[in-house]
Structure formats: structure tokens, C-alpha cells
Amino acid sequence: MVAITYVEHDGTEHVVEVDEQMSLMEGATLNMVPGVEGMCGGICSCATCHCYIREEWRDKMPAMSDGESTMLENAIDRRANSRLGCQISVTPEMDGMRVELPQEQA
């Protein structure tokens, strides 16, 4: 299990244990983290798992696919560190990672 901290826009933190190979979106939805809906079930077609990856973790993330980039074009408040949680598989190297959630998903 990998400890991931999901941080709501207001600073509320949710530390959850996520199984390796699950996505960040699955870890959040299975633990009922507010602000992560995952309406499409993780097939990169809704952007309801939009999150922000802090700089110190970005080099541990998989490359963004064209499909993910296209889907993020529709996300409100897209930033340089925006990602879709459904597209990021959790690895042991992510233990202790903090993921920030956008205000519009509150």
C-alpha cells in the first residue's frame, strides 16, 4: 500500500492507503475523497478526476497522452501541473505524495 494525501482546495487533507497499480482516481473514489468523482470510471473521458501534481512529484509521473491532454482542455482551471488521476497508476515511489484538487470539483 502507498500513502497518498489528497488535498481539497480549502486545505482539508485526506491521507489514504492506495494499492499499487490502482490509479490516483481509484484511490480517491474508493476512499470517498470529496472532489474526485471519476464519473467515466477511469477511461479518460470526463475530467472529473482532474488534479494538480506538485513539482517534486512530476518526474515520477507517466508521460501525458494526447487523449489526456485533449480531455484536460475542457477542465476548468487547467494549469501546467494538471493531470487526470485516472491516467496515473500508483507506484511505490509515490509513497507520501500530495495531490491537490481543484476548487471546481468541491
PDB file of N, CA and C in Angstrom:
ATOM      1  N   MET A   1       0.839  -1.186   0.000  1.00  0.00           N
ATOM      2  CA  MET A   1       0.000   0.000   0.000  1.00  0.00           C
ATOM      3  C   MET A   1       0.884   1.249   0.000  1.00  0.00           C
ATOM      4  N   VAL A   2       0.385   2.261  -0.683  1.00  0.00           N
ATOM      5  CA  VAL A   2       1.112   3.512  -0.844  1.00  0.00           C
ATOM      6  C   VAL A   2       0.280   4.634  -0.226  1.00  0.00           C
ATOM      7  N   ALA A   3       0.881   5.434   0.637  1.00  0.00           N
ATOM      8  CA  ALA A   3       0.171   6.548   1.278  1.00  0.00           C
ATOM      9  C   ALA A   3       0.135   7.744   0.327  1.00  0.00           C
ATOM     10  N   ILE A   4      -1.082   8.176  -0.005  1.00  0.00           N
ATOM     11  CA  ILE A   4      -1.294   9.347  -0.851  1.00  0.00           C
ATOM     12  C   ILE A   4      -2.145  10.332  -0.060  1.00  0.00           C
ATOM     13  N   THR A   5      -1.760  11.604  -0.077  1.00  0.00           N
ATOM     14  CA  THR A   5      -2.551  12.647   0.574  1.00  0.00           C
ATOM     15  C   THR A   5      -3.242  13.465  -0.504  1.00  0.00           C
ATOM     16  N   TYR A   6      -4.573  13.474  -0.463  1.00  0.00           N
ATOM     17  CA  TYR A   6      -5.381  14.284  -1.374  1.00  0.00           C
ATOM     18  C   TYR A   6      -5.750  15.551  -0.613  1.00  0.00           C
ATOM     19  N   VAL A   7      -5.483  16.707  -1.210  1.00  0.00           N
ATOM     20  CA  VAL A   7      -5.703  17.986  -0.539  1.00  0.00           C
ATOM     21  C   VAL A   7      -6.807  18.741  -1.275  1.00  0.00           C
ATOM     22  N   GLU A   8      -7.928  18.956  -0.577  1.00  0.00           N
ATOM     23  CA  GLU A   8      -9.022  19.731  -1.157  1.00  0.00           C
ATOM     24  C   GLU A   8      -8.589  21.187  -1.312  1.00  0.00           C
ATOM     25  N   HIS A   9      -9.315  21.927  -2.139  1.00  0.00           N
ATOM     26  CA  HIS A   9      -8.956  23.329  -2.405  1.00  0.00           C
ATOM     27  C   HIS A   9      -8.908  24.178  -1.146  1.00  0.00           C
ATOM     28  N   ASP A  10      -9.651  23.782  -0.104  1.00  0.00           N
ATOM     29  CA  ASP A  10      -9.667  24.559   1.138  1.00  0.00           C
ATOM     30  C   ASP A  10      -8.591  24.114   2.127  1.00  0.00           C
ATOM     31  N   GLY A  11      -7.758  23.157   1.714  1.00  0.00           N
ATOM     32  CA  GLY A  11      -6.671  22.688   2.567  1.00  0.00           C
ATOM     33  C   GLY A  11      -6.973  21.427   3.353  1.00  0.00           C
ATOM     34  N   THR A  12      -8.221  20.967   3.324  1.00  0.00           N
ATOM     35  CA  THR A  12      -8.575  19.734   4.019  1.00  0.00           C
ATOM     36  C   THR A  12      -7.817  18.568   3.402  1.00  0.00           C
ATOM     37  N   GLU A  13      -7.160  17.789   4.238  1.00  0.00           N
ATOM     38  CA  GLU A  13      -6.332  16.682   3.764  1.00  0.00           C
ATOM     39  C   GLU A  13      -6.987  15.335   4.050  1.00  0.00           C
ATOM     40  N   HIS A  14      -6.813  14.424   3.106  1.00  0.00           N
ATOM     41  CA  HIS A  14      -7.289  13.048   3.240  1.00  0.00           C
ATOM     42  C   HIS A  14      -6.115  12.134   2.922  1.00  0.00           C
ATOM     43  N   VAL A  15      -5.576  11.479   3.943  1.00  0.00           N
ATOM     44  CA  VAL A  15      -4.476  10.543   3.739  1.00  0.00           C
ATOM     45  C   VAL A  15      -5.088   9.156   3.593  1.00  0.00           C
ATOM     46  N   VAL A  16      -4.828   8.532   2.453  1.00  0.00           N
ATOM     47  CA  VAL A  16      -5.391   7.204   2.199  1.00  0.00           C
ATOM     48  C   VAL A  16      -4.290   6.252   1.736  1.00  0.00           C
ATOM     49  N   GLU A  17      -4.525   4.979   1.987  1.00  0.00           N
ATOM     50  CA  GLU A  17      -3.623   3.929   1.522  1.00  0.00           C
ATOM     51  C   GLU A  17      -4.193   3.415   0.205  1.00  0.00           C
ATOM     52  N   VAL A  18      -3.368   3.427  -0.837  1.00  0.00           N
ATOM     53  CA  VAL A  18      -3.804   3.025  -2.179  1.00  0.00           C
ATOM     54  C   VAL A  18      -2.969   1.832  -2.620  1.00  0.00           C
ATOM     55  N   ASP A  19      -3.629   0.834  -3.161  1.00  0.00           N
ATOM     56  CA  ASP A  19      -2.915  -0.331  -3.685  1.00  0.00           C
ATOM     57  C   ASP A  19      -2.078   0.075  -4.887  1.00  0.00           C
ATOM     58  N   GLU A  20      -0.911  -0.519  -4.987  1.00  0.00           N
ATOM     59  CA  GLU A  20      -0.079  -0.303  -6.173  1.00  0.00           C
ATOM     60  C   GLU A  20      -0.868  -0.742  -7.401  1.00  0.00           C
ATOM     61  N   GLN A  21      -0.642  -0.062  -8.481  1.00  0.00           N
ATOM     62  CA  GLN A  21      -1.269  -0.296  -9.780  1.00  0.00           C
ATOM     63  C   GLN A  21      -2.692   0.248  -9.873  1.00  0.00           C
ATOM     64  N   MET A  22      -3.285   0.683  -8.770  1.00  0.00           N
ATOM     65  CA  MET A  22      -4.554   1.397  -8.864  1.00  0.00           C
ATOM     66  C   MET A  22      -4.221   2.792  -9.364  1.00  0.00           C
ATOM     67  N   SER A  23      -5.196   3.487  -9.892  1.00  0.00           N
ATOM     68  CA  SER A  23      -4.966   4.864 -10.318  1.00  0.00           C
ATOM     69  C   SER A  23      -5.200   5.811  -9.143  1.00  0.00           C
ATOM     70  N   LEU A  24      -4.695   7.030  -9.279  1.00  0.00           N
ATOM     71  CA  LEU A  24      -4.977   8.042  -8.269  1.00  0.00           C
ATOM     72  C   LEU A  24      -6.481   8.259  -8.134  1.00  0.00           C
ATOM     73  N   MET A  25      -7.197   8.195  -9.246  1.00  0.00           N
ATOM     74  CA  MET A  25      -8.651   8.359  -9.222  1.00  0.00           C
ATOM     75  C   MET A  25      -9.304   7.233  -8.430  1.00  0.00           C
ATOM     76  N   GLU A  26      -8.897   5.987  -8.661  1.00  0.00           N
ATOM     77  CA  GLU A  26      -9.481   4.858  -7.930  1.00  0.00           C
ATOM     78  C   GLU A  26      -9.204   4.970  -6.438  1.00  0.00           C
ATOM     79  N   GLY A  27      -7.981   5.365  -6.090  1.00  0.00           N
ATOM     80  CA  GLY A  27      -7.654   5.533  -4.680  1.00  0.00           C
ATOM     81  C   GLY A  27      -8.551   6.552  -4.005  1.00  0.00           C
ATOM     82  N   ALA A  28      -8.843   7.636  -4.706  1.00  0.00           N
ATOM     83  CA  ALA A  28      -9.701   8.688  -4.153  1.00  0.00           C
ATOM     84  C   ALA A  28     -11.162   8.246  -4.087  1.00  0.00           C
ATOM     85  N   THR A  29     -11.670   7.673  -5.164  1.00  0.00           N
ATOM     86  CA  THR A  29     -13.096   7.315  -5.168  1.00  0.00           C
ATOM     87  C   THR A  29     -13.398   6.169  -4.208  1.00  0.00           C
ATOM     88  N   LEU A  30     -12.518   5.181  -4.123  1.00  0.00           N
ATOM     89  CA  LEU A  30     -12.746   4.063  -3.206  1.00  0.00           C
ATOM     90  C   LEU A  30     -12.686   4.495  -1.748  1.00  0.00           C
ATOM     91  N   ASN A  31     -11.989   5.594  -1.490  1.00  0.00           N
ATOM     92  CA  ASN A  31     -11.887   6.130  -0.126  1.00  0.00           C
ATOM     93  C   ASN A  31     -12.775   7.349   0.083  1.00  0.00           C
ATOM     94  N   MET A  32     -13.669   7.601  -0.868  1.00  0.00           N
ATOM     95  CA  MET A  32     -14.659   8.671  -0.797  1.00  0.00           C
ATOM     96  C   MET A  32     -14.054  10.045  -0.523  1.00  0.00           C
ATOM     97  N   VAL A  33     -12.959  10.349  -1.207  1.00  0.00           N
ATOM     98  CA  VAL A  33     -12.341  11.659  -1.085  1.00  0.00           C
ATOM     99  C   VAL A  33     -13.220  12.668  -1.823  1.00  0.00           C
ATOM    100  N   PRO A  34     -13.709  13.711  -1.142  1.00  0.00           N
ATOM    101  CA  PRO A  34     -14.533  14.713  -1.806  1.00  0.00           C
ATOM    102  C   PRO A  34     -13.749  15.411  -2.915  1.00  0.00           C
ATOM    103  N   GLY A  35     -14.425  15.656  -4.032  1.00  0.00           N
ATOM    104  CA  GLY A  35     -13.798  16.390  -5.121  1.00  0.00           C
ATOM    105  C   GLY A  35     -13.255  15.515  -6.227  1.00  0.00           C
ATOM    106  N   VAL A  36     -13.345  14.202  -6.072  1.00  0.00           N
ATOM    107  CA  VAL A  36     -12.922  13.288  -7.132  1.00  0.00           C
ATOM    108  C   VAL A  36     -14.089  12.352  -7.404  1.00  0.00           C
ATOM    109  N   GLU A  37     -14.756  12.581  -8.543  1.00  0.00           N
ATOM    110  CA  GLU A  37     -15.930  11.777  -8.874  1.00  0.00           C
ATOM    111  C   GLU A  37     -15.598  10.557  -9.717  1.00  0.00           C
ATOM    112  N   GLY A  38     -14.759  10.725 -10.713  1.00  0.00           N
ATOM    113  CA  GLY A  38     -14.439   9.609 -11.598  1.00  0.00           C
ATOM    114  C   GLY A  38     -15.666   9.089 -12.325  1.00  0.00           C
ATOM    115  N   MET A  39     -16.474   9.996 -12.841  1.00  0.00           N
ATOM    116  CA  MET A  39     -17.754   9.632 -13.456  1.00  0.00           C
ATOM    117  C   MET A  39     -17.628   8.645 -14.612  1.00  0.00           C
ATOM    118  N   CYS A  40     -16.534   8.695 -15.360  1.00  0.00           N
ATOM    119  CA  CYS A  40     -16.393   7.806 -16.526  1.00  0.00           C
ATOM    120  C   CYS A  40     -15.798   6.457 -16.142  1.00  0.00           C
ATOM    121  N   GLY A  41     -15.461   6.287 -14.865  1.00  0.00           N
ATOM    122  CA  GLY A  41     -14.908   5.024 -14.420  1.00  0.00           C
ATOM    123  C   GLY A  41     -13.436   4.842 -14.746  1.00  0.00           C
ATOM    124  N   GLY A  42     -12.793   5.889 -15.211  1.00  0.00           N
ATOM    125  CA  GLY A  42     -11.363   5.816 -15.448  1.00  0.00           C
ATOM    126  C   GLY A  42     -10.944   5.614 -16.884  1.00  0.00           C
ATOM    127  N   ILE A  43     -11.831   5.963 -17.829  1.00  0.00           N
ATOM    128  CA  ILE A  43     -11.484   5.763 -19.240  1.00  0.00           C
ATOM    129  C   ILE A  43     -11.102   7.066 -19.947  1.00  0.00           C
ATOM    130  N   CYS A  44     -10.745   8.072 -19.158  1.00  0.00           N
ATOM    131  CA  CYS A  44     -10.237   9.331 -19.711  1.00  0.00           C
ATOM    132  C   CYS A  44     -11.246  10.020 -20.620  1.00  0.00           C
ATOM    133  N   SER A  45     -12.488  10.143 -20.114  1.00  0.00           N
ATOM    134  CA  SER A  45     -13.491  10.795 -20.949  1.00  0.00           C
ATOM    135  C   SER A  45     -14.375  11.792 -20.209  1.00  0.00           C
ATOM    136  N   CYS A  46     -13.941  12.256 -19.012  1.00  0.00           N
ATOM    137  CA  CYS A  46     -14.817  13.210 -18.332  1.00  0.00           C
ATOM    138  C   CYS A  46     -14.088  14.312 -17.557  1.00  0.00           C
ATOM    139  N   ALA A  47     -12.870  14.112 -17.140  1.00  0.00           N
ATOM    140  CA  ALA A  47     -12.074  15.088 -16.378  1.00  0.00           C
ATOM    141  C   ALA A  47     -12.613  15.369 -14.979  1.00  0.00           C
ATOM    142  N   THR A  48     -13.435  14.463 -14.416  1.00  0.00           N
ATOM    143  CA  THR A  48     -13.903  14.657 -13.038  1.00  0.00           C
ATOM    144  C   THR A  48     -12.916  14.103 -12.019  1.00  0.00           C
ATOM    145  N   CYS A  49     -11.724  13.756 -12.483  1.00  0.00           N
ATOM    146  CA  CYS A  49     -10.634  13.341 -11.585  1.00  0.00           C
ATOM    147  C   CYS A  49      -9.436  14.262 -11.776  1.00  0.00           C
ATOM    148  N   HIS A  50      -9.712  15.458 -12.294  1.00  0.00           N
ATOM    149  CA  HIS A  50      -8.678  16.477 -12.520  1.00  0.00           C
ATOM    150  C   HIS A  50      -7.968  16.755 -11.197  1.00  0.00           C
ATOM    151  N   CYS A  51      -6.658  16.784 -11.242  1.00  0.00           N
ATOM    152  CA  CYS A  51      -5.877  17.073 -10.048  1.00  0.00           C
ATOM    153  C   CYS A  51      -4.596  17.804 -10.437  1.00  0.00           C
ATOM    154  N   TYR A  52      -3.912  18.314  -9.432  1.00  0.00           N
ATOM    155  CA  TYR A  52      -2.657  19.024  -9.635  1.00  0.00           C
ATOM    156  C   TYR A  52      -1.527  18.237  -8.982  1.00  0.00           C
ATOM    157  N   ILE A  53      -0.482  17.993  -9.739  1.00  0.00           N
ATOM    158  CA  ILE A  53       0.678  17.256  -9.255  1.00  0.00           C
ATOM    159  C   ILE A  53       1.776  18.259  -8.921  1.00  0.00           C
ATOM    160  N   ARG A  54       2.239  18.229  -7.709  1.00  0.00           N
ATOM    161  CA  ARG A  54       3.289  19.157  -7.289  1.00  0.00           C
ATOM    162  C   ARG A  54       4.585  18.879  -8.029  1.00  0.00           C
ATOM    163  N   GLU A  55       5.371  19.926  -8.179  1.00  0.00           N
ATOM    164  CA  GLU A  55       6.622  19.872  -8.949  1.00  0.00           C
ATOM    165  C   GLU A  55       7.527  18.719  -8.522  1.00  0.00           C
ATOM    166  N   GLU A  56       7.655  18.492  -7.240  1.00  0.00           N
ATOM    167  CA  GLU A  56       8.577  17.465  -6.760  1.00  0.00           C
ATOM    168  C   GLU A  56       8.165  16.039  -7.136  1.00  0.00           C
ATOM    169  N   TRP A  57       6.946  15.860  -7.600  1.00  0.00           N
ATOM    170  CA  TRP A  57       6.458  14.534  -7.990  1.00  0.00           C
ATOM    171  C   TRP A  57       6.315  14.373  -9.497  1.00  0.00           C
ATOM    172  N   ARG A  58       6.419  15.447 -10.231  1.00  0.00           N
ATOM    173  CA  ARG A  58       6.121  15.398 -11.670  1.00  0.00           C
ATOM    174  C   ARG A  58       7.030  14.457 -12.447  1.00  0.00           C
ATOM    175  N   ASP A  59       8.296  14.323 -12.049  1.00  0.00           N
ATOM    176  CA  ASP A  59       9.196  13.438 -12.790  1.00  0.00           C
ATOM    177  C   ASP A  59       8.925  11.958 -12.514  1.00  0.00           C
ATOM    178  N   LYS A  60       8.075  11.662 -11.528  1.00  0.00           N
ATOM    179  CA  LYS A  60       7.700  10.287 -11.221  1.00  0.00           C
ATOM    180  C   LYS A  60       6.395   9.877 -11.927  1.00  0.00           C
ATOM    181  N   MET A  61       5.803  10.805 -12.659  1.00  0.00           N
ATOM    182  CA  MET A  61       4.548  10.559 -13.348  1.00  0.00           C
ATOM    183  C   MET A  61       4.802  10.013 -14.759  1.00  0.00           C
ATOM    184  N   PRO A  62       3.871   9.197 -15.246  1.00  0.00           N
ATOM    185  CA  PRO A  62       3.983   8.776 -16.646  1.00  0.00           C
ATOM    186  C   PRO A  62       3.752   9.969 -17.567  1.00  0.00           C
ATOM    187  N   ALA A  63       4.238   9.873 -18.774  1.00  0.00           N
ATOM    188  CA  ALA A  63       4.021  10.949 -19.749  1.00  0.00           C
ATOM    189  C   ALA A  63       2.529  11.107 -20.018  1.00  0.00           C
ATOM    190  N   MET A  64       2.123  12.337 -20.284  1.00  0.00           N
ATOM    191  CA  MET A  64       0.724  12.611 -20.602  1.00  0.00           C
ATOM    192  C   MET A  64       0.437  12.183 -22.041  1.00  0.00           C
ATOM    193  N   SER A  65      -0.640  11.440 -22.212  1.00  0.00           N
ATOM    194  CA  SER A  65      -1.037  11.021 -23.555  1.00  0.00           C
ATOM    195  C   SER A  65      -1.767  12.157 -24.260  1.00  0.00           C
ATOM    196  N   ASP A  66      -1.889  12.046 -25.567  1.00  0.00           N
ATOM    197  CA  ASP A  66      -2.645  13.045 -26.329  1.00  0.00           C
ATOM    198  C   ASP A  66      -4.098  13.085 -25.864  1.00  0.00           C
ATOM    199  N   GLY A  67      -4.665  11.916 -25.565  1.00  0.00           N
ATOM    200  CA  GLY A  67      -6.057  11.855 -25.111  1.00  0.00           C
ATOM    201  C   GLY A  67      -6.260  12.570 -23.792  1.00  0.00           C
ATOM    202  N   GLU A  68      -5.322  12.399 -22.877  1.00  0.00           N
ATOM    203  CA  GLU A  68      -5.413  13.088 -21.589  1.00  0.00           C
ATOM    204  C   GLU A  68      -5.290  14.598 -21.781  1.00  0.00           C
ATOM    205  N   SER A  69      -4.357  15.015 -22.613  1.00  0.00           N
ATOM    206  CA  SER A  69      -4.183  16.439 -22.874  1.00  0.00           C
ATOM    207  C   SER A  69      -5.439  17.044 -23.481  1.00  0.00           C
ATOM    208  N   THR A  70      -6.035  16.330 -24.414  1.00  0.00           N
ATOM    209  CA  THR A  70      -7.272  16.801 -25.052  1.00  0.00           C
ATOM    210  C   THR A  70      -8.400  16.914 -24.028  1.00  0.00           C
ATOM    211  N   MET A  71      -8.534  15.911 -23.168  1.00  0.00           N
ATOM    212  CA  MET A  71      -9.592  15.947 -22.158  1.00  0.00           C
ATOM    213  C   MET A  71      -9.370  17.098 -21.179  1.00  0.00           C
ATOM    214  N   LEU A  72      -8.132  17.372 -20.836  1.00  0.00           N
ATOM    215  CA  LEU A  72      -7.840  18.474 -19.912  1.00  0.00           C
ATOM    216  C   LEU A  72      -8.128  19.837 -20.527  1.00  0.00           C
ATOM    217  N   GLU A  73      -8.216  19.927 -21.847  1.00  0.00           N
ATOM    218  CA  GLU A  73      -8.585  21.197 -22.479  1.00  0.00           C
ATOM    219  C   GLU A  73      -9.965  21.655 -22.022  1.00  0.00           C
ATOM    220  N   ASN A  74     -10.815  20.709 -21.606  1.00  0.00           N
ATOM    221  CA  ASN A  74     -12.168  21.024 -21.150  1.00  0.00           C
ATOM    222  C   ASN A  74     -12.248  21.250 -19.642  1.00  0.00           C
ATOM    223  N   ALA A  75     -11.150  21.022 -18.947  1.00  0.00           N
ATOM    224  CA  ALA A  75     -11.150  21.180 -17.493  1.00  0.00           C
ATOM    225  C   ALA A  75     -11.103  22.658 -17.116  1.00  0.00           C
ATOM    226  N   ILE A  76     -11.837  23.000 -16.085  1.00  0.00           N
ATOM    227  CA  ILE A  76     -11.809  24.361 -15.562  1.00  0.00           C
ATOM    228  C   ILE A  76     -10.525  24.522 -14.760  1.00  0.00           C
ATOM    229  N   ASP A  77      -9.881  25.649 -14.919  1.00  0.00           N
ATOM    230  CA  ASP A  77      -8.656  25.988 -14.186  1.00  0.00           C
ATOM    231  C   ASP A  77      -7.520  24.999 -14.456  1.00  0.00           C
ATOM    232  N   ARG A  78      -7.343  24.647 -15.732  1.00  0.00           N
ATOM    233  CA  ARG A  78      -6.201  23.808 -16.094  1.00  0.00           C
ATOM    234  C   ARG A  78      -4.917  24.596 -15.831  1.00  0.00           C
ATOM    235  N   ARG A  79      -3.929  23.900 -15.304  1.00  0.00           N
ATOM    236  CA  ARG A  79      -2.635  24.501 -15.010  1.00  0.00           C
ATOM    237  C   ARG A  79      -1.539  23.648 -15.638  1.00  0.00           C
ATOM    238  N   ALA A  80      -0.320  24.128 -15.568  1.00  0.00           N
ATOM    239  CA  ALA A  80       0.814  23.380 -16.123  1.00  0.00           C
ATOM    240  C   ALA A  80       0.981  22.031 -15.436  1.00  0.00           C
ATOM    241  N   ASN A  81       0.541  21.933 -14.180  1.00  0.00           N
ATOM    242  CA  ASN A  81       0.681  20.679 -13.443  1.00  0.00           C
ATOM    243  C   ASN A  81      -0.615  19.877 -13.356  1.00  0.00           C
ATOM    244  N   SER A  82      -1.582  20.185 -14.228  1.00  0.00           N
ATOM    245  CA  SER A  82      -2.844  19.449 -14.269  1.00  0.00           C
ATOM    246  C   SER A  82      -2.642  18.062 -14.844  1.00  0.00           C
ATOM    247  N   ARG A  83      -3.315  17.110 -14.246  1.00  0.00           N
ATOM    248  CA  ARG A  83      -3.338  15.739 -14.751  1.00  0.00           C
ATOM    249  C   ARG A  83      -4.711  15.149 -14.449  1.00  0.00           C
ATOM    250  N   LEU A  84      -5.018  14.053 -15.114  1.00  0.00           N
ATOM    251  CA  LEU A  84      -6.214  13.273 -14.793  1.00  0.00           C
ATOM    252  C   LEU A  84      -5.770  12.117 -13.914  1.00  0.00           C
ATOM    253  N   GLY A  85      -6.365  12.016 -12.749  1.00  0.00           N
ATOM    254  CA  GLY A  85      -5.990  10.960 -11.810  1.00  0.00           C
ATOM    255  C   GLY A  85      -6.192   9.560 -12.354  1.00  0.00           C
ATOM    256  N   CYS A  86      -7.124   9.404 -13.286  1.00  0.00           N
ATOM    257  CA  CYS A  86      -7.374   8.071 -13.853  1.00  0.00           C
ATOM    258  C   CYS A  86      -6.228   7.600 -14.738  1.00  0.00           C
ATOM    259  N   GLN A  87      -5.355   8.493 -15.129  1.00  0.00           N
ATOM    260  CA  GLN A  87      -4.267   8.156 -16.037  1.00  0.00           C
ATOM    261  C   GLN A  87      -2.934   7.947 -15.320  1.00  0.00           C
ATOM    262  N   ILE A  88      -2.958   7.993 -13.990  1.00  0.00           N
ATOM    263  CA  ILE A  88      -1.721   7.843 -13.224  1.00  0.00           C
ATOM    264  C   ILE A  88      -1.829   6.622 -12.323  1.00  0.00           C
ATOM    265  N   SER A  89      -1.081   5.588 -12.649  1.00  0.00           N
ATOM    266  CA  SER A  89      -1.030   4.382 -11.823  1.00  0.00           C
ATOM    267  C   SER A  89      -0.102   4.618 -10.640  1.00  0.00           C
ATOM    268  N   VAL A  90      -0.540   4.189  -9.480  1.00  0.00           N
ATOM    269  CA  VAL A  90       0.231   4.371  -8.256  1.00  0.00           C
ATOM    270  C   VAL A  90       1.380   3.367  -8.221  1.00  0.00           C
ATOM    271  N   THR A  91       2.562   3.869  -7.878  1.00  0.00           N
ATOM    272  CA  THR A  91       3.757   3.043  -7.754  1.00  0.00           C
ATOM    273  C   THR A  91       4.355   3.258  -6.354  1.00  0.00           C
ATOM    274  N   PRO A  92       5.205   2.352  -5.903  1.00  0.00           N
ATOM    275  CA  PRO A  92       5.816   2.522  -4.575  1.00  0.00           C
ATOM    276  C   PRO A  92       6.579   3.834  -4.434  1.00  0.00           C
ATOM    277  N   GLU A  93       7.123   4.353  -5.525  1.00  0.00           N
ATOM    278  CA  GLU A  93       7.870   5.614  -5.483  1.00  0.00           C
ATOM    279  C   GLU A  93       6.982   6.812  -5.132  1.00  0.00           C
ATOM    280  N   MET A  94       5.680   6.637  -5.189  1.00  0.00           N
ATOM    281  CA  MET A  94       4.749   7.724  -4.897  1.00  0.00           C
ATOM    282  C   MET A  94       4.365   7.802  -3.420  1.00  0.00           C
ATOM    283  N   ASP A  95       4.918   6.929  -2.597  1.00  0.00           N
ATOM    284  CA  ASP A  95       4.577   6.921  -1.179  1.00  0.00           C
ATOM    285  C   ASP A  95       4.851   8.303  -0.581  1.00  0.00           C
ATOM    286  N   GLY A  96       3.850   8.887   0.059  1.00  0.00           N
ATOM    287  CA  GLY A  96       3.971  10.212   0.655  1.00  0.00           C
ATOM    288  C   GLY A  96       3.563  11.349  -0.267  1.00  0.00           C
ATOM    289  N   MET A  97       3.130  11.037  -1.468  1.00  0.00           N
ATOM    290  CA  MET A  97       2.754  12.055  -2.452  1.00  0.00           C
ATOM    291  C   MET A  97       1.533  12.842  -1.993  1.00  0.00           C
ATOM    292  N   ARG A  98       1.532  14.127  -2.339  1.00  0.00           N
ATOM    293  CA  ARG A  98       0.394  15.009  -2.075  1.00  0.00           C
ATOM    294  C   ARG A  98      -0.202  15.415  -3.422  1.00  0.00           C
ATOM    295  N   VAL A  99      -1.500  15.243  -3.556  1.00  0.00           N
ATOM    296  CA  VAL A  99      -2.230  15.568  -4.780  1.00  0.00           C
ATOM    297  C   VAL A  99      -3.236  16.649  -4.433  1.00  0.00           C
ATOM    298  N   GLU A 100      -3.187  17.765  -5.143  1.00  0.00           N
ATOM    299  CA  GLU A 100      -4.111  18.863  -4.866  1.00  0.00           C
ATOM    300  C   GLU A 100      -5.307  18.791  -5.810  1.00  0.00           C
ATOM    301  N   LEU A 101      -6.468  19.154  -5.281  1.00  0.00           N
ATOM    302  CA  LEU A 101      -7.715  19.076  -6.050  1.00  0.00           C
ATOM    303  C   LEU A 101      -8.242  20.474  -6.374  1.00  0.00           C
ATOM    304  N   PRO A 102      -8.782  20.651  -7.572  1.00  0.00           N
ATOM    305  CA  PRO A 102      -9.290  21.971  -7.967  1.00  0.00           C
ATOM    306  C   PRO A 102     -10.570  22.371  -7.233  1.00  0.00           C
ATOM    307  N   GLN A 103     -10.755  23.653  -7.097  1.00  0.00           N
ATOM    308  CA  GLN A 103     -11.935  24.184  -6.400  1.00  0.00           C
ATOM    309  C   GLN A 103     -13.233  23.800  -7.097  1.00  0.00           C
ATOM    310  N   GLU A 104     -13.240  23.773  -8.437  1.00  0.00           N
ATOM    311  CA  GLU A 104     -14.498  23.499  -9.134  1.00  0.00           C
ATOM    312  C   GLU A 104     -15.014  22.090  -8.922  1.00  0.00           C
ATOM    313  N   GLN A 105     -14.202  21.215  -8.355  1.00  0.00           N
ATOM    314  CA  GLN A 105     -14.642  19.850  -8.093  1.00  0.00           C
ATOM    315  C   GLN A 105     -15.089  19.671  -6.636  1.00  0.00           C
ATOM    316  N   ALA A 106     -15.202  20.764  -5.905  1.00  0.00           N
ATOM    317  CA  ALA A 106     -15.581  20.683  -4.493  1.00  0.00           C
ATOM    318  C   ALA A 106     -17.007  20.218  -4.335  1.00  0.00           C
TER     319      ALA A 106
END
